[in-house]
Amino acid sequence: MATCALVAAIDFNAEDFQARRMAGDFDFVIAVDAGFACLEALDVVPDMAVGDFDSLGYVPKCRRVSRFPVKKDKSDMELALEKAVAWDHDELVVYGALGGRLDHTLANLQLFAKFSEQGHYVTAVGDTYAVRLLTGPDVLDLPDVEAGTVSVFSASDCARGVIETGLAYALNDEDLTNRTSRGVSNELIGEPARIAVEEGTLYIFHPLA
């Protein structure tokens, strides 16, 4: 499995990124517009920079630069995700895509669901948590963390056959819609925790290991 890290324009979890990069977890790194400046501050040169670079303020210099016009129908994040997939990466780890403007965050979450439904493994990393997309039929074993909050929401109109085990509140082959708060604020209890879905796509919010 080939893994691509994408770094966007807002503050991101540099500690997690650097730890995983030094461990060799990433095969390719894409700077998304002003994400280039975030990487530059860490003395990291990305493999590719993608965007219109209006936020960055200049066209960066790196091995590969894919520049787009400011007036376009896709966000820089969507274009960067498409580049990552075109370069045959099937696991996408996105930094700097959560927080900041709410409309940007919602747009990014919609994109993550789209790429998950295309068969890619997508994780967005926040400051103390991550959002993992899970498209059925599939199973996710959560990181080995003693405590913390886990929230599961449907990205689809209806996610069917949702199972949650090893958490304070279990779900057993239930349906979740995207018009309910059911799924918010479950709790890890020091046991192996697992989320499964038979059909549809889930957003799984969980603590970082």
N, C-alpha and C. Protein backbone atom coordinates (compact mmCIF):
# COMPACT_ATOMS: atom_id res chain seq x y z
N MET A 1 0.84 -1.19 0.00
CA MET A 1 0.00 0.00 0.00
C MET A 1 0.88 1.25 0.00
N ALA A 2 0.65 2.16 -0.91
CA ALA A 2 1.42 3.40 -1.00
C ALA A 2 0.67 4.52 -0.29
N THR A 3 1.38 5.27 0.56
CA THR A 3 0.77 6.28 1.41
C THR A 3 1.26 7.66 1.03
N CYS A 4 0.31 8.59 0.86
CA CYS A 4 0.63 9.98 0.55
C CYS A 4 0.14 10.87 1.69
N ALA A 5 1.02 11.73 2.18
CA ALA A 5 0.63 12.75 3.16
C ALA A 5 0.37 14.05 2.41
N LEU A 6 -0.73 14.71 2.75
CA LEU A 6 -1.07 16.00 2.17
C LEU A 6 -1.14 17.02 3.29
N VAL A 7 -0.45 18.14 3.11
CA VAL A 7 -0.39 19.17 4.14
C VAL A 7 -1.02 20.45 3.60
N ALA A 8 -2.09 20.90 4.26
CA ALA A 8 -2.83 22.05 3.79
C ALA A 8 -2.40 23.33 4.52
N ALA A 9 -3.17 24.40 4.31
CA ALA A 9 -2.68 25.74 4.61
C ALA A 9 -2.81 26.18 6.06
N ILE A 10 -3.62 25.53 6.87
CA ILE A 10 -3.77 26.00 8.24
C ILE A 10 -2.80 25.27 9.15
N ASP A 11 -2.72 25.72 10.41
CA ASP A 11 -1.84 25.05 11.37
C ASP A 11 -2.16 23.56 11.43
N PHE A 12 -1.14 22.74 11.51
CA PHE A 12 -1.38 21.31 11.49
C PHE A 12 -0.54 20.63 12.57
N ASN A 13 -0.81 19.35 12.77
CA ASN A 13 -0.14 18.58 13.82
C ASN A 13 1.25 18.19 13.32
N ALA A 14 2.19 19.11 13.48
CA ALA A 14 3.54 18.89 12.98
C ALA A 14 4.22 17.74 13.71
N GLU A 15 3.92 17.57 14.99
CA GLU A 15 4.55 16.50 15.77
C GLU A 15 4.19 15.13 15.21
N ASP A 16 2.89 14.92 14.93
CA ASP A 16 2.46 13.64 14.38
C ASP A 16 3.04 13.44 12.99
N PHE A 17 3.00 14.51 12.17
CA PHE A 17 3.53 14.41 10.81
C PHE A 17 5.01 14.03 10.82
N GLN A 18 5.79 14.73 11.64
CA GLN A 18 7.22 14.48 11.67
C GLN A 18 7.54 13.07 12.20
N ALA A 19 6.81 12.64 13.20
CA ALA A 19 7.05 11.30 13.76
C ALA A 19 6.78 10.23 12.71
N ARG A 20 5.69 10.39 11.98
CA ARG A 20 5.35 9.39 10.97
C ARG A 20 6.27 9.48 9.76
N ARG A 21 6.68 10.69 9.41
CA ARG A 21 7.60 10.85 8.29
C ARG A 21 8.95 10.21 8.61
N MET A 22 9.45 10.47 9.82
CA MET A 22 10.74 9.91 10.21
C MET A 22 10.68 8.38 10.33
N ALA A 23 9.48 7.86 10.63
CA ALA A 23 9.31 6.41 10.72
C ALA A 23 9.16 5.77 9.35
N GLY A 24 9.11 6.59 8.30
CA GLY A 24 9.00 6.06 6.94
C GLY A 24 7.59 5.70 6.53
N ASP A 25 6.60 6.29 7.21
CA ASP A 25 5.21 5.96 6.91
C ASP A 25 4.72 6.54 5.58
N PHE A 26 5.37 7.59 5.10
CA PHE A 26 4.89 8.29 3.92
C PHE A 26 5.80 8.03 2.72
N ASP A 27 5.21 7.64 1.62
CA ASP A 27 5.94 7.43 0.38
C ASP A 27 6.04 8.71 -0.44
N PHE A 28 5.16 9.67 -0.16
CA PHE A 28 5.05 10.87 -0.98
C PHE A 28 4.41 11.96 -0.13
N VAL A 29 4.85 13.20 -0.30
CA VAL A 29 4.29 14.32 0.45
C VAL A 29 3.88 15.42 -0.53
N ILE A 30 2.63 15.87 -0.41
CA ILE A 30 2.10 16.95 -1.25
C ILE A 30 1.79 18.16 -0.38
N ALA A 31 2.32 19.31 -0.77
CA ALA A 31 1.96 20.57 -0.13
C ALA A 31 0.76 21.15 -0.87
N VAL A 32 -0.29 21.47 -0.13
CA VAL A 32 -1.50 22.04 -0.72
C VAL A 32 -1.47 23.54 -0.48
N ASP A 33 -1.20 24.31 -1.54
CA ASP A 33 -1.08 25.77 -1.47
C ASP A 33 -0.16 26.18 -0.32
N ALA A 34 -0.67 26.96 0.66
CA ALA A 34 0.19 27.48 1.72
C ALA A 34 0.68 26.42 2.68
N GLY A 35 0.25 25.18 2.51
CA GLY A 35 0.85 24.09 3.24
C GLY A 35 2.34 23.99 2.96
N PHE A 36 2.76 24.55 1.81
CA PHE A 36 4.19 24.58 1.48
C PHE A 36 4.97 25.35 2.55
N ALA A 37 4.40 26.48 3.02
CA ALA A 37 5.08 27.28 4.05
C ALA A 37 5.16 26.52 5.37
N CYS A 38 4.13 25.74 5.69
CA CYS A 38 4.15 24.93 6.92
C CYS A 38 5.28 23.92 6.86
N LEU A 39 5.45 23.29 5.71
CA LEU A 39 6.52 22.31 5.56
C LEU A 39 7.89 22.98 5.54
N GLU A 40 7.96 24.14 4.89
CA GLU A 40 9.22 24.87 4.83
C GLU A 40 9.71 25.23 6.22
N ALA A 41 8.78 25.56 7.12
CA ALA A 41 9.14 25.89 8.50
C ALA A 41 9.76 24.70 9.23
N LEU A 42 9.47 23.50 8.73
CA LEU A 42 10.02 22.28 9.32
C LEU A 42 11.25 21.78 8.54
N ASP A 43 11.68 22.56 7.54
CA ASP A 43 12.79 22.16 6.67
C ASP A 43 12.47 20.87 5.92
N VAL A 44 11.19 20.74 5.54
CA VAL A 44 10.75 19.58 4.76
C VAL A 44 10.43 20.05 3.35
N VAL A 45 11.03 19.42 2.37
CA VAL A 45 10.75 19.73 0.96
C VAL A 45 9.76 18.68 0.44
N PRO A 46 8.56 19.11 0.04
CA PRO A 46 7.58 18.13 -0.44
C PRO A 46 7.96 17.57 -1.81
N ASP A 47 7.36 16.45 -2.14
CA ASP A 47 7.57 15.86 -3.46
C ASP A 47 6.79 16.61 -4.53
N MET A 48 5.72 17.29 -4.12
CA MET A 48 4.88 18.02 -5.06
C MET A 48 4.17 19.15 -4.34
N ALA A 49 3.94 20.25 -5.03
CA ALA A 49 3.10 21.35 -4.52
C ALA A 49 1.95 21.54 -5.49
N VAL A 50 0.74 21.67 -4.94
CA VAL A 50 -0.47 21.78 -5.76
C VAL A 50 -1.29 22.97 -5.28
N GLY A 51 -1.84 23.74 -6.21
CA GLY A 51 -2.76 24.81 -5.83
C GLY A 51 -2.69 26.00 -6.76
N ASP A 52 -3.49 27.02 -6.43
CA ASP A 52 -3.39 28.29 -7.16
C ASP A 52 -2.38 29.22 -6.49
N PHE A 53 -2.00 28.89 -5.25
CA PHE A 53 -0.98 29.58 -4.47
C PHE A 53 -1.33 31.03 -4.16
N ASP A 54 -2.64 31.31 -4.11
CA ASP A 54 -3.06 32.65 -3.69
C ASP A 54 -2.83 32.85 -2.20
N SER A 55 -3.00 31.78 -1.41
CA SER A 55 -2.75 31.88 0.04
C SER A 55 -1.26 31.94 0.32
N LEU A 56 -0.47 31.21 -0.44
CA LEU A 56 0.98 31.21 -0.23
C LEU A 56 1.59 32.53 -0.64
N GLY A 57 1.08 33.11 -1.72
CA GLY A 57 1.58 34.40 -2.17
C GLY A 57 2.70 34.35 -3.19
N TYR A 58 3.15 33.14 -3.51
CA TYR A 58 4.18 32.98 -4.54
C TYR A 58 4.14 31.54 -5.04
N VAL A 59 4.73 31.30 -6.19
CA VAL A 59 4.80 29.95 -6.73
C VAL A 59 6.02 29.26 -6.13
N PRO A 60 5.83 28.19 -5.40
CA PRO A 60 6.96 27.55 -4.72
C PRO A 60 7.89 26.82 -5.68
N LYS A 61 9.07 26.52 -5.18
CA LYS A 61 10.03 25.75 -5.94
C LYS A 61 10.25 24.41 -5.26
N CYS A 62 9.89 23.36 -5.96
CA CYS A 62 10.19 22.00 -5.52
C CYS A 62 10.21 21.12 -6.75
N ARG A 63 10.35 19.85 -6.55
CA ARG A 63 10.55 18.94 -7.69
C ARG A 63 9.40 19.00 -8.67
N ARG A 64 8.18 19.01 -8.16
CA ARG A 64 7.00 19.04 -9.04
C ARG A 64 6.04 20.10 -8.52
N VAL A 65 5.62 21.00 -9.41
CA VAL A 65 4.66 22.05 -9.06
C VAL A 65 3.50 21.97 -10.04
N SER A 66 2.30 21.84 -9.51
CA SER A 66 1.09 21.80 -10.33
C SER A 66 0.25 23.03 -9.98
N ARG A 67 0.30 24.04 -10.85
CA ARG A 67 -0.36 25.31 -10.58
C ARG A 67 -1.68 25.41 -11.33
N PHE A 68 -2.69 25.93 -10.64
CA PHE A 68 -4.02 26.07 -11.22
C PHE A 68 -4.48 27.53 -11.10
N PRO A 69 -5.43 27.94 -11.93
CA PRO A 69 -5.94 29.32 -11.82
C PRO A 69 -6.72 29.53 -10.53
N VAL A 70 -6.79 30.77 -10.08
CA VAL A 70 -7.55 31.09 -8.87
C VAL A 70 -9.03 30.81 -9.07
N LYS A 71 -9.56 31.17 -10.24
CA LYS A 71 -10.97 30.93 -10.55
C LYS A 71 -11.10 29.53 -11.14
N LYS A 72 -11.67 28.63 -10.35
CA LYS A 72 -11.79 27.24 -10.77
C LYS A 72 -12.97 26.59 -10.05
N ASP A 73 -13.33 25.40 -10.47
CA ASP A 73 -14.51 24.72 -9.92
C ASP A 73 -14.16 23.71 -8.82
N LYS A 74 -12.88 23.52 -8.55
CA LYS A 74 -12.46 22.58 -7.52
C LYS A 74 -11.53 23.30 -6.55
N SER A 75 -11.58 22.89 -5.28
CA SER A 75 -10.67 23.46 -4.30
C SER A 75 -9.26 22.91 -4.50
N ASP A 76 -8.29 23.60 -3.93
CA ASP A 76 -6.92 23.10 -3.99
C ASP A 76 -6.81 21.72 -3.35
N MET A 77 -7.57 21.48 -2.28
CA MET A 77 -7.54 20.18 -1.63
C MET A 77 -8.04 19.08 -2.57
N GLU A 78 -9.14 19.35 -3.28
CA GLU A 78 -9.66 18.34 -4.20
C GLU A 78 -8.65 18.03 -5.29
N LEU A 79 -8.02 19.07 -5.83
CA LEU A 79 -7.02 18.88 -6.88
C LEU A 79 -5.82 18.09 -6.36
N ALA A 80 -5.42 18.36 -5.12
CA ALA A 80 -4.30 17.64 -4.53
C ALA A 80 -4.64 16.17 -4.29
N LEU A 81 -5.84 15.91 -3.82
CA LEU A 81 -6.26 14.52 -3.62
C LEU A 81 -6.29 13.77 -4.96
N GLU A 82 -6.74 14.44 -6.00
CA GLU A 82 -6.75 13.82 -7.32
C GLU A 82 -5.33 13.50 -7.79
N LYS A 83 -4.39 14.40 -7.51
CA LYS A 83 -2.99 14.15 -7.86
C LYS A 83 -2.45 12.95 -7.10
N ALA A 84 -2.76 12.87 -5.81
CA ALA A 84 -2.28 11.76 -5.00
C ALA A 84 -2.78 10.43 -5.54
N VAL A 85 -4.05 10.40 -5.92
CA VAL A 85 -4.63 9.17 -6.47
C VAL A 85 -4.04 8.85 -7.84
N ALA A 86 -3.82 9.89 -8.66
CA ALA A 86 -3.24 9.68 -9.99
C ALA A 86 -1.84 9.09 -9.90
N TRP A 87 -1.14 9.35 -8.80
CA TRP A 87 0.21 8.81 -8.58
C TRP A 87 0.15 7.48 -7.83
N ASP A 88 -1.03 6.86 -7.86
CA ASP A 88 -1.22 5.48 -7.37
C ASP A 88 -1.03 5.33 -5.86
N HIS A 89 -1.44 6.34 -5.10
CA HIS A 89 -1.45 6.21 -3.65
C HIS A 89 -2.85 5.82 -3.20
N ASP A 90 -2.93 4.75 -2.43
CA ASP A 90 -4.24 4.28 -1.99
C ASP A 90 -4.55 4.63 -0.55
N GLU A 91 -3.54 5.11 0.20
CA GLU A 91 -3.80 5.62 1.55
C GLU A 91 -3.44 7.10 1.59
N LEU A 92 -4.40 7.92 2.01
CA LEU A 92 -4.23 9.37 2.01
C LEU A 92 -4.34 9.87 3.45
N VAL A 93 -3.28 10.52 3.94
CA VAL A 93 -3.25 11.06 5.29
C VAL A 93 -3.16 12.58 5.16
N VAL A 94 -4.20 13.28 5.63
CA VAL A 94 -4.33 14.71 5.36
C VAL A 94 -4.14 15.50 6.65
N TYR A 95 -3.25 16.49 6.58
CA TYR A 95 -2.98 17.38 7.71
C TYR A 95 -3.44 18.80 7.35
N GLY A 96 -3.89 19.54 8.38
CA GLY A 96 -4.28 20.93 8.18
C GLY A 96 -5.60 21.11 7.46
N ALA A 97 -6.46 20.11 7.51
CA ALA A 97 -7.75 20.19 6.80
C ALA A 97 -8.93 20.31 7.75
N LEU A 98 -8.67 20.30 9.05
CA LEU A 98 -9.73 20.39 10.06
C LEU A 98 -9.52 21.66 10.88
N GLY A 99 -10.56 22.37 11.20
CA GLY A 99 -10.42 23.62 11.93
C GLY A 99 -10.37 24.79 10.96
N GLY A 100 -10.13 25.98 11.49
CA GLY A 100 -10.17 27.15 10.62
C GLY A 100 -11.60 27.43 10.18
N ARG A 101 -11.78 27.76 8.93
CA ARG A 101 -13.12 28.08 8.41
C ARG A 101 -13.99 26.83 8.37
N LEU A 102 -15.20 26.95 8.93
CA LEU A 102 -16.10 25.80 8.98
C LEU A 102 -16.50 25.34 7.58
N ASP A 103 -16.70 26.27 6.65
CA ASP A 103 -17.10 25.87 5.30
C ASP A 103 -15.99 25.06 4.62
N HIS A 104 -14.73 25.43 4.87
CA HIS A 104 -13.63 24.66 4.31
C HIS A 104 -13.58 23.26 4.93
N THR A 105 -13.81 23.19 6.23
CA THR A 105 -13.79 21.88 6.90
C THR A 105 -14.89 20.98 6.35
N LEU A 106 -16.08 21.53 6.18
CA LEU A 106 -17.19 20.74 5.64
C LEU A 106 -16.89 20.29 4.21
N ALA A 107 -16.31 21.18 3.41
CA ALA A 107 -15.95 20.81 2.04
C ALA A 107 -14.92 19.68 2.05
N ASN A 108 -13.94 19.77 2.96
CA ASN A 108 -12.93 18.72 3.04
C ASN A 108 -13.53 17.39 3.48
N LEU A 109 -14.42 17.41 4.46
CA LEU A 109 -15.05 16.17 4.91
C LEU A 109 -15.84 15.52 3.79
N GLN A 110 -16.52 16.32 2.98
CA GLN A 110 -17.25 15.77 1.83
C GLN A 110 -16.28 15.12 0.84
N LEU A 111 -15.15 15.78 0.61
CA LEU A 111 -14.15 15.21 -0.30
C LEU A 111 -13.60 13.90 0.24
N PHE A 112 -13.36 13.84 1.53
CA PHE A 112 -12.80 12.61 2.11
C PHE A 112 -13.77 11.45 1.93
N ALA A 113 -15.07 11.72 2.08
CA ALA A 113 -16.07 10.67 1.86
C ALA A 113 -16.05 10.22 0.40
N LYS A 114 -15.94 11.17 -0.51
CA LYS A 114 -15.90 10.83 -1.94
C LYS A 114 -14.74 9.90 -2.25
N PHE A 115 -13.56 10.24 -1.76
CA PHE A 115 -12.39 9.42 -2.09
C PHE A 115 -12.42 8.09 -1.36
N SER A 116 -13.00 8.04 -0.17
CA SER A 116 -13.20 6.77 0.51
C SER A 116 -14.10 5.85 -0.30
N GLU A 117 -15.16 6.43 -0.85
CA GLU A 117 -16.11 5.64 -1.64
C GLU A 117 -15.51 5.19 -2.96
N GLN A 118 -14.40 5.81 -3.37
CA GLN A 118 -13.69 5.37 -4.57
C GLN A 118 -12.69 4.26 -4.26
N GLY A 119 -12.60 3.88 -2.98
CA GLY A 119 -11.74 2.76 -2.61
C GLY A 119 -10.43 3.13 -1.96
N HIS A 120 -10.28 4.41 -1.55
CA HIS A 120 -9.05 4.85 -0.91
C HIS A 120 -9.24 4.94 0.60
N TYR A 121 -8.15 4.74 1.34
CA TYR A 121 -8.17 4.88 2.79
C TYR A 121 -7.80 6.32 3.14
N VAL A 122 -8.72 7.04 3.77
CA VAL A 122 -8.54 8.47 4.02
C VAL A 122 -8.60 8.73 5.52
N THR A 123 -7.57 9.42 6.03
CA THR A 123 -7.54 9.85 7.42
C THR A 123 -7.15 11.31 7.47
N ALA A 124 -7.94 12.12 8.17
CA ALA A 124 -7.59 13.52 8.41
C ALA A 124 -7.11 13.64 9.85
N VAL A 125 -5.95 14.25 10.03
CA VAL A 125 -5.33 14.34 11.35
C VAL A 125 -5.50 15.73 11.91
N GLY A 126 -6.09 15.82 13.12
CA GLY A 126 -6.25 17.09 13.81
C GLY A 126 -5.19 17.24 14.89
N ASP A 127 -5.47 18.13 15.87
CA ASP A 127 -4.47 18.37 16.91
C ASP A 127 -4.36 17.21 17.89
N THR A 128 -5.49 16.72 18.38
CA THR A 128 -5.47 15.61 19.33
C THR A 128 -6.30 14.42 18.85
N TYR A 129 -6.86 14.51 17.67
CA TYR A 129 -7.76 13.48 17.18
C TYR A 129 -7.57 13.30 15.68
N ALA A 130 -8.16 12.24 15.17
CA ALA A 130 -8.17 12.00 13.73
C ALA A 130 -9.58 11.65 13.30
N VAL A 131 -9.85 11.83 12.02
CA VAL A 131 -11.12 11.42 11.42
C VAL A 131 -10.79 10.40 10.34
N ARG A 132 -11.26 9.19 10.56
CA ARG A 132 -11.03 8.12 9.58
C ARG A 132 -12.32 7.84 8.84
N LEU A 133 -12.24 7.78 7.53
CA LEU A 133 -13.40 7.42 6.72
C LEU A 133 -13.44 5.91 6.55
N LEU A 134 -14.63 5.35 6.65
CA LEU A 134 -14.79 3.90 6.52
C LEU A 134 -15.99 3.63 5.63
N THR A 135 -15.75 2.99 4.49
CA THR A 135 -16.81 2.67 3.54
C THR A 135 -17.01 1.17 3.50
N GLY A 136 -18.27 0.76 3.69
CA GLY A 136 -18.58 -0.65 3.80
C GLY A 136 -18.58 -1.40 2.49
N PRO A 137 -18.43 -2.73 2.61
CA PRO A 137 -18.22 -3.44 3.88
C PRO A 137 -16.77 -3.38 4.32
N ASP A 138 -16.55 -2.91 5.54
CA ASP A 138 -15.19 -2.77 6.05
C ASP A 138 -15.21 -2.69 7.57
N VAL A 139 -14.02 -2.89 8.16
CA VAL A 139 -13.86 -2.89 9.62
C VAL A 139 -12.64 -2.05 9.96
N LEU A 140 -12.73 -1.29 11.05
CA LEU A 140 -11.59 -0.51 11.53
C LEU A 140 -11.34 -0.84 12.99
N ASP A 141 -10.11 -1.27 13.29
CA ASP A 141 -9.67 -1.43 14.68
C ASP A 141 -9.07 -0.10 15.12
N LEU A 142 -9.61 0.47 16.17
CA LEU A 142 -9.16 1.79 16.64
C LEU A 142 -7.79 1.69 17.29
N PRO A 143 -7.05 2.81 17.30
CA PRO A 143 -5.72 2.80 17.96
C PRO A 143 -5.83 2.35 19.41
N ASP A 144 -4.75 1.78 19.90
CA ASP A 144 -4.71 1.26 21.27
C ASP A 144 -4.52 2.43 22.24
N VAL A 145 -5.64 3.04 22.62
CA VAL A 145 -5.64 4.18 23.54
C VAL A 145 -6.52 3.82 24.72
N GLU A 146 -6.05 4.08 25.93
CA GLU A 146 -6.77 3.66 27.13
C GLU A 146 -8.10 4.38 27.30
N ALA A 147 -8.15 5.66 26.96
CA ALA A 147 -9.37 6.44 27.18
C ALA A 147 -9.49 7.50 26.11
N GLY A 148 -10.70 8.03 25.98
CA GLY A 148 -10.93 9.08 25.00
C GLY A 148 -12.29 8.94 24.37
N THR A 149 -12.67 9.97 23.62
CA THR A 149 -13.99 10.02 23.01
C THR A 149 -13.94 9.53 21.57
N VAL A 150 -14.92 8.73 21.21
CA VAL A 150 -15.08 8.25 19.83
C VAL A 150 -16.48 8.62 19.36
N SER A 151 -16.55 9.30 18.23
CA SER A 151 -17.84 9.65 17.64
C SER A 151 -17.91 9.09 16.23
N VAL A 152 -19.07 8.55 15.89
CA VAL A 152 -19.27 7.91 14.59
C VAL A 152 -20.53 8.50 13.96
N PHE A 153 -20.36 9.05 12.75
CA PHE A 153 -21.48 9.65 12.02
C PHE A 153 -21.54 9.08 10.62
N SER A 154 -22.73 9.10 10.06
CA SER A 154 -22.89 8.63 8.70
C SER A 154 -22.62 9.76 7.72
N ALA A 155 -21.75 9.51 6.74
CA ALA A 155 -21.54 10.45 5.64
C ALA A 155 -22.56 10.20 4.53
N SER A 156 -23.17 9.02 4.55
CA SER A 156 -24.19 8.66 3.57
C SER A 156 -25.57 9.01 4.12
N ASP A 157 -26.57 8.99 3.24
CA ASP A 157 -27.94 9.19 3.72
C ASP A 157 -28.26 8.18 4.81
N CYS A 158 -27.80 6.94 4.60
CA CYS A 158 -27.97 5.91 5.62
C CYS A 158 -26.81 4.93 5.54
N ALA A 159 -26.11 4.74 6.65
CA ALA A 159 -25.07 3.72 6.76
C ALA A 159 -25.71 2.51 7.44
N ARG A 160 -25.64 1.36 6.81
CA ARG A 160 -26.34 0.19 7.31
C ARG A 160 -25.37 -0.82 7.93
N GLY A 161 -25.90 -1.52 8.94
CA GLY A 161 -25.12 -2.57 9.58
C GLY A 161 -23.93 -2.04 10.35
N VAL A 162 -24.14 -0.98 11.13
CA VAL A 162 -23.05 -0.39 11.90
C VAL A 162 -22.87 -1.16 13.21
N ILE A 163 -21.62 -1.54 13.49
CA ILE A 163 -21.30 -2.28 14.71
C ILE A 163 -20.19 -1.53 15.44
N GLU A 164 -20.36 -1.34 16.75
CA GLU A 164 -19.33 -0.75 17.60
C GLU A 164 -19.12 -1.66 18.79
N THR A 165 -17.89 -2.13 18.96
CA THR A 165 -17.57 -3.00 20.09
C THR A 165 -16.35 -2.46 20.82
N GLY A 166 -16.21 -2.84 22.11
CA GLY A 166 -15.09 -2.39 22.92
C GLY A 166 -15.22 -0.96 23.39
N LEU A 167 -16.41 -0.38 23.30
CA LEU A 167 -16.68 0.98 23.74
C LEU A 167 -17.74 0.96 24.84
N ALA A 168 -17.92 2.10 25.48
CA ALA A 168 -18.88 2.16 26.59
C ALA A 168 -20.29 1.83 26.13
N TYR A 169 -20.63 2.23 24.91
CA TYR A 169 -21.97 1.98 24.37
C TYR A 169 -21.83 1.21 23.07
N ALA A 170 -22.43 0.04 23.02
CA ALA A 170 -22.29 -0.82 21.84
C ALA A 170 -23.39 -0.53 20.81
N LEU A 171 -23.05 -0.71 19.57
CA LEU A 171 -24.04 -0.76 18.49
C LEU A 171 -23.93 -2.14 17.86
N ASN A 172 -25.06 -2.75 17.59
CA ASN A 172 -25.06 -4.10 17.06
C ASN A 172 -25.92 -4.16 15.80
N ASP A 173 -25.27 -3.99 14.65
CA ASP A 173 -25.95 -4.12 13.37
C ASP A 173 -27.09 -3.12 13.23
N GLU A 174 -26.80 -1.87 13.56
CA GLU A 174 -27.81 -0.82 13.48
C GLU A 174 -27.55 0.09 12.27
N ASP A 175 -28.57 0.86 11.91
CA ASP A 175 -28.46 1.84 10.84
C ASP A 175 -28.26 3.23 11.44
N LEU A 176 -27.38 4.02 10.81
CA LEU A 176 -27.19 5.41 11.19
C LEU A 176 -27.48 6.29 9.97
N THR A 177 -28.26 7.34 10.17
CA THR A 177 -28.50 8.28 9.08
C THR A 177 -27.65 9.54 9.30
N ASN A 178 -27.64 10.40 8.29
CA ASN A 178 -26.93 11.67 8.44
C ASN A 178 -27.86 12.79 8.91
N ARG A 179 -28.92 12.41 9.58
CA ARG A 179 -29.87 13.36 10.16
C ARG A 179 -30.12 13.06 11.63
N THR A 180 -29.09 12.60 12.32
CA THR A 180 -29.22 12.27 13.74
C THR A 180 -27.93 12.56 14.47
N SER A 181 -28.04 12.78 15.78
CA SER A 181 -26.84 12.95 16.61
C SER A 181 -26.39 11.63 17.23
N ARG A 182 -27.15 10.56 16.97
CA ARG A 182 -26.76 9.25 17.48
C ARG A 182 -25.39 8.88 16.94
N GLY A 183 -24.51 8.47 17.82
CA GLY A 183 -23.15 8.16 17.42
C GLY A 183 -22.13 9.10 18.02
N VAL A 184 -22.61 10.23 18.62
CA VAL A 184 -21.68 11.19 19.18
C VAL A 184 -21.24 10.77 20.58
N SER A 185 -20.00 11.02 20.91
CA SER A 185 -19.46 10.92 22.28
C SER A 185 -19.58 9.54 22.91
N ASN A 186 -19.12 8.53 22.18
CA ASN A 186 -18.92 7.23 22.82
C ASN A 186 -17.56 7.29 23.54
N GLU A 187 -17.24 6.28 24.33
CA GLU A 187 -16.03 6.35 25.14
C GLU A 187 -15.22 5.06 25.04
N LEU A 188 -13.91 5.22 24.89
CA LEU A 188 -13.01 4.08 25.01
C LEU A 188 -12.95 3.63 26.47
N ILE A 189 -12.81 2.31 26.70
CA ILE A 189 -12.84 1.79 28.06
C ILE A 189 -11.65 0.87 28.34
N GLY A 190 -10.57 1.05 27.58
CA GLY A 190 -9.38 0.25 27.82
C GLY A 190 -9.42 -1.13 27.22
N GLU A 191 -10.38 -1.38 26.32
CA GLU A 191 -10.48 -2.66 25.64
C GLU A 191 -10.26 -2.44 24.14
N PRO A 192 -9.88 -3.48 23.39
CA PRO A 192 -9.78 -3.34 21.94
C PRO A 192 -11.12 -2.89 21.36
N ALA A 193 -11.09 -1.80 20.61
CA ALA A 193 -12.33 -1.23 20.07
C ALA A 193 -12.36 -1.38 18.56
N ARG A 194 -13.54 -1.67 18.05
CA ARG A 194 -13.69 -1.93 16.61
C ARG A 194 -14.98 -1.30 16.10
N ILE A 195 -14.88 -0.73 14.90
CA ILE A 195 -16.05 -0.17 14.21
C ILE A 195 -16.20 -0.90 12.89
N ALA A 196 -17.42 -1.29 12.54
CA ALA A 196 -17.67 -1.96 11.27
C ALA A 196 -18.92 -1.36 10.62
N VAL A 197 -18.96 -1.42 9.30
CA VAL A 197 -20.15 -0.97 8.57
C VAL A 197 -20.33 -1.89 7.36
N GLU A 198 -21.56 -2.26 7.12
CA GLU A 198 -21.86 -3.16 6.01
C GLU A 198 -22.04 -2.39 4.70
N GLU A 199 -22.73 -1.25 4.79
CA GLU A 199 -23.03 -0.47 3.58
C GLU A 199 -23.06 1.01 3.92
N GLY A 200 -22.47 1.85 3.07
CA GLY A 200 -22.41 3.28 3.32
C GLY A 200 -21.05 3.70 3.85
N THR A 201 -20.94 4.98 4.18
CA THR A 201 -19.66 5.54 4.61
C THR A 201 -19.81 6.22 5.96
N LEU A 202 -18.83 6.00 6.84
CA LEU A 202 -18.83 6.59 8.18
C LEU A 202 -17.68 7.58 8.34
N TYR A 203 -17.93 8.62 9.15
CA TYR A 203 -16.87 9.44 9.72
C TYR A 203 -16.60 8.90 11.12
N ILE A 204 -15.37 8.50 11.39
CA ILE A 204 -15.01 7.99 12.71
C ILE A 204 -14.00 8.94 13.34
N PHE A 205 -14.44 9.66 14.37
CA PHE A 205 -13.58 10.60 15.12
C PHE A 205 -12.98 9.83 16.30
N HIS A 206 -11.66 9.79 16.40
CA HIS A 206 -11.04 9.04 17.49
C HIS A 206 -9.77 9.73 17.95
N PRO A 207 -9.34 9.45 19.18
CA PRO A 207 -8.10 10.05 19.68
C PRO A 207 -6.89 9.51 18.93
N LEU A 208 -5.85 10.33 18.86
CA LEU A 208 -4.60 9.87 18.28
C LEU A 208 -3.89 8.95 19.28
N ALA A 209 -3.16 7.99 18.74
CA ALA A 209 -2.42 7.07 19.60
C ALA A 209 -1.24 7.79 20.24
